[in-house]
């Protein structure tokens, strides 16, 4: 089973604008729905906190503390497709930074649940 890390927008989840928390991403991961394509094991769920300066180091800490290198990192649907967009970071740039730092593929989005 593939091991993954999810990276979500903490501000978006806390605000209640369509995402009550990480349950939708965890459901999609467990069932293999959406962008997962098959059931996966979530080894960490990292919340990006404004303005996002610590996201790369926090993902690094999650990898270090779990002792498991992920097969893939997912930028959650709430972070990848938030409306209005994040005023601090572009999800594509975050994905590139994570891929460069950890040598792991990064997927934008997790599910299509509404």
C-alpha atoms as a PDB file:
ATOM      1  CA  UNK A   1       0.000   0.000   0.000  1.00  0.00           C
ATOM      2  CA  UNK A   2       1.359   3.406  -0.964  1.00  0.00           C
ATOM      3  CA  UNK A   3       2.177   5.818   1.846  1.00  0.00           C
ATOM      4  CA  UNK A   4       1.205   9.471   1.464  1.00  0.00           C
ATOM      5  CA  UNK A   5       1.311  12.804   3.237  1.00  0.00           C
ATOM      6  CA  UNK A   6      -1.571  15.250   2.944  1.00  0.00           C
ATOM      7  CA  UNK A   7      -0.964  19.001   3.119  1.00  0.00           C
ATOM      8  CA  UNK A   8      -4.057  21.097   3.801  1.00  0.00           C
ATOM      9  CA  UNK A   9      -4.889  24.757   4.309  1.00  0.00           C
ATOM     10  CA  UNK A  10      -5.394  25.298   8.028  1.00  0.00           C
ATOM     11  CA  UNK A  11      -7.107  28.659   7.552  1.00  0.00           C
ATOM     12  CA  UNK A  12      -9.549  27.217   5.025  1.00  0.00           C
ATOM     13  CA  UNK A  13     -10.421  24.295   7.295  1.00  0.00           C
ATOM     14  CA  UNK A  14     -10.826  26.530  10.347  1.00  0.00           C
ATOM     15  CA  UNK A  15     -13.041  29.002   8.504  1.00  0.00           C
ATOM     16  CA  UNK A  16     -15.692  26.442   7.586  1.00  0.00           C
ATOM     17  CA  UNK A  17     -15.865  27.587   3.954  1.00  0.00           C
ATOM     18  CA  UNK A  18     -16.769  24.232   2.514  1.00  0.00           C
ATOM     19  CA  UNK A  19     -14.225  22.088   4.339  1.00  0.00           C
ATOM     20  CA  UNK A  20     -15.065  21.117   7.908  1.00  0.00           C
ATOM     21  CA  UNK A  21     -11.682  19.475   8.313  1.00  0.00           C
ATOM     22  CA  UNK A  22      -9.673  16.699   6.834  1.00  0.00           C
ATOM     23  CA  UNK A  23     -12.360  13.972   6.882  1.00  0.00           C
ATOM     24  CA  UNK A  24     -13.078  14.188   3.140  1.00  0.00           C
ATOM     25  CA  UNK A  25      -9.425  13.762   2.215  1.00  0.00           C
ATOM     26  CA  UNK A  26      -9.048  10.872   4.651  1.00  0.00           C
ATOM     27  CA  UNK A  27     -12.178   9.195   3.262  1.00  0.00           C
ATOM     28  CA  UNK A  28     -10.927   9.558  -0.320  1.00  0.00           C
ATOM     29  CA  UNK A  29      -7.514   8.177   0.697  1.00  0.00           C
ATOM     30  CA  UNK A  30      -9.044   5.182   2.480  1.00  0.00           C
ATOM     31  CA  UNK A  31     -11.389   4.354  -0.398  1.00  0.00           C
ATOM     32  CA  UNK A  32      -9.007   5.231  -3.226  1.00  0.00           C
ATOM     33  CA  UNK A  33     -11.392   7.877  -4.556  1.00  0.00           C
ATOM     34  CA  UNK A  34     -10.506  11.038  -6.462  1.00  0.00           C
ATOM     35  CA  UNK A  35      -6.868  11.624  -7.260  1.00  0.00           C
ATOM     36  CA  UNK A  36      -5.712   8.620  -5.205  1.00  0.00           C
ATOM     37  CA  UNK A  37      -6.894   5.942  -7.643  1.00  0.00           C
ATOM     38  CA  UNK A  38      -6.372   3.225  -5.035  1.00  0.00           C
ATOM     39  CA  UNK A  39      -6.557   3.011  -1.234  1.00  0.00           C
ATOM     40  CA  UNK A  40      -3.471   4.520   0.418  1.00  0.00           C
ATOM     41  CA  UNK A  41      -2.046   4.828   3.912  1.00  0.00           C
ATOM     42  CA  UNK A  42      -1.874   8.395   5.226  1.00  0.00           C
ATOM     43  CA  UNK A  43       1.292   8.719   7.309  1.00  0.00           C
ATOM     44  CA  UNK A  44       0.846  12.422   8.106  1.00  0.00           C
ATOM     45  CA  UNK A  45      -1.604  15.272   7.691  1.00  0.00           C
ATOM     46  CA  UNK A  46       0.210  18.605   7.768  1.00  0.00           C
ATOM     47  CA  UNK A  47      -1.724  21.854   8.039  1.00  0.00           C
ATOM     48  CA  UNK A  48      -0.300  24.869   6.277  1.00  0.00           C
ATOM     49  CA  UNK A  49      -0.639  27.844   8.609  1.00  0.00           C
ATOM     50  CA  UNK A  50      -0.583  31.411   7.269  1.00  0.00           C
ATOM     51  CA  UNK A  51       1.588  32.693   5.760  1.00  0.00           C
ATOM     52  CA  UNK A  52       2.981  29.236   4.933  1.00  0.00           C
ATOM     53  CA  UNK A  53       6.652  29.815   5.665  1.00  0.00           C
ATOM     54  CA  UNK A  54       6.993  26.576   7.615  1.00  0.00           C
ATOM     55  CA  UNK A  55       5.218  24.152   5.293  1.00  0.00           C
ATOM     56  CA  UNK A  56       8.385  22.570   3.852  1.00  0.00           C
ATOM     57  CA  UNK A  57      10.032  22.213   7.261  1.00  0.00           C
ATOM     58  CA  UNK A  58       6.804  20.829   8.770  1.00  0.00           C
ATOM     59  CA  UNK A  59       6.548  18.192   6.047  1.00  0.00           C
ATOM     60  CA  UNK A  60      10.202  17.378   6.694  1.00  0.00           C
ATOM     61  CA  UNK A  61       9.478  16.975  10.398  1.00  0.00           C
ATOM     62  CA  UNK A  62       6.522  14.697   9.626  1.00  0.00           C
ATOM     63  CA  UNK A  63       8.789  12.487   7.510  1.00  0.00           C
ATOM     64  CA  UNK A  64      11.485  12.475  10.175  1.00  0.00           C
ATOM     65  CA  UNK A  65       9.161  11.731  13.084  1.00  0.00           C
ATOM     66  CA  UNK A  66       7.217   9.031  11.240  1.00  0.00           C
ATOM     67  CA  UNK A  67      10.407   7.428   9.967  1.00  0.00           C
ATOM     68  CA  UNK A  68       8.595   6.748   6.688  1.00  0.00           C
ATOM     69  CA  UNK A  69       9.382   8.361   3.349  1.00  0.00           C
ATOM     70  CA  UNK A  70       6.105   8.940   1.493  1.00  0.00           C
ATOM     71  CA  UNK A  71       5.492   7.618  -1.990  1.00  0.00           C
ATOM     72  CA  UNK A  72       3.578  10.791  -2.787  1.00  0.00           C
ATOM     73  CA  UNK A  73       2.538  14.103  -1.225  1.00  0.00           C
ATOM     74  CA  UNK A  74      -0.931  15.510  -1.890  1.00  0.00           C
ATOM     75  CA  UNK A  75      -1.877  19.169  -1.681  1.00  0.00           C
ATOM     76  CA  UNK A  76      -5.492  18.857  -0.516  1.00  0.00           C
ATOM     77  CA  UNK A  77      -8.405  19.991  -2.651  1.00  0.00           C
ATOM     78  CA  UNK A  78      -9.179  22.797  -0.179  1.00  0.00           C
ATOM     79  CA  UNK A  79      -5.676  24.165  -0.632  1.00  0.00           C
ATOM     80  CA  UNK A  80      -5.239  23.481  -4.347  1.00  0.00           C
ATOM     81  CA  UNK A  81      -8.570  24.915  -5.424  1.00  0.00           C
ATOM     82  CA  UNK A  82      -9.567  27.379  -2.723  1.00  0.00           C
ATOM     83  CA  UNK A  83     -11.701  30.317  -3.739  1.00  0.00           C
ATOM     84  CA  UNK A  84     -10.605  32.958  -3.018  1.00  0.00           C
ATOM     85  CA  UNK A  85      -7.045  31.834  -3.610  1.00  0.00           C
ATOM     86  CA  UNK A  86      -4.391  31.986  -0.942  1.00  0.00           C
ATOM     87  CA  UNK A  87      -2.956  35.514  -0.713  1.00  0.00           C
ATOM     88  CA  UNK A  88       0.440  34.162   0.368  1.00  0.00           C
ATOM     89  CA  UNK A  89       1.292  31.104  -1.726  1.00  0.00           C
ATOM     90  CA  UNK A  90       0.513  29.424  -5.012  1.00  0.00           C
ATOM     91  CA  UNK A  91      -0.188  25.683  -4.562  1.00  0.00           C
ATOM     92  CA  UNK A  92       1.867  24.911  -7.675  1.00  0.00           C
ATOM     93  CA  UNK A  93       4.885  26.671  -6.147  1.00  0.00           C
ATOM     94  CA  UNK A  94       4.427  24.777  -2.875  1.00  0.00           C
ATOM     95  CA  UNK A  95       4.239  21.526  -4.842  1.00  0.00           C
ATOM     96  CA  UNK A  96       7.478  22.358  -6.653  1.00  0.00           C
ATOM     97  CA  UNK A  97       9.266  23.229  -3.394  1.00  0.00           C
ATOM     98  CA  UNK A  98       8.138  19.964  -1.781  1.00  0.00           C
ATOM     99  CA  UNK A  99       9.125  17.906  -4.819  1.00  0.00           C
ATOM    100  CA  UNK A 100      12.545  19.561  -4.997  1.00  0.00           C
ATOM    101  CA  UNK A 101      13.235  19.191  -1.272  1.00  0.00           C
ATOM    102  CA  UNK A 102      12.037  15.612  -0.757  1.00  0.00           C
ATOM    103  CA  UNK A 103      12.316  14.029  -4.207  1.00  0.00           C
ATOM    104  CA  UNK A 104       8.708  12.868  -4.039  1.00  0.00           C
ATOM    105  CA  UNK A 105       5.939  13.453  -6.572  1.00  0.00           C
ATOM    106  CA  UNK A 106       3.325  15.992  -5.462  1.00  0.00           C
ATOM    107  CA  UNK A 107      -0.301  15.887  -6.598  1.00  0.00           C
ATOM    108  CA  UNK A 108      -2.580  18.935  -6.599  1.00  0.00           C
ATOM    109  CA  UNK A 109      -5.961  17.940  -5.192  1.00  0.00           C
ATOM    110  CA  UNK A 110      -7.318  14.911  -3.429  1.00  0.00           C
ATOM    111  CA  UNK A 111     -11.057  14.470  -4.091  1.00  0.00           C
ATOM    112  CA  UNK A 112     -14.100  15.851  -5.878  1.00  0.00           C
ATOM    113  CA  UNK A 113     -16.570  15.555  -3.008  1.00  0.00           C
ATOM    114  CA  UNK A 114     -18.925  18.494  -2.568  1.00  0.00           C
END
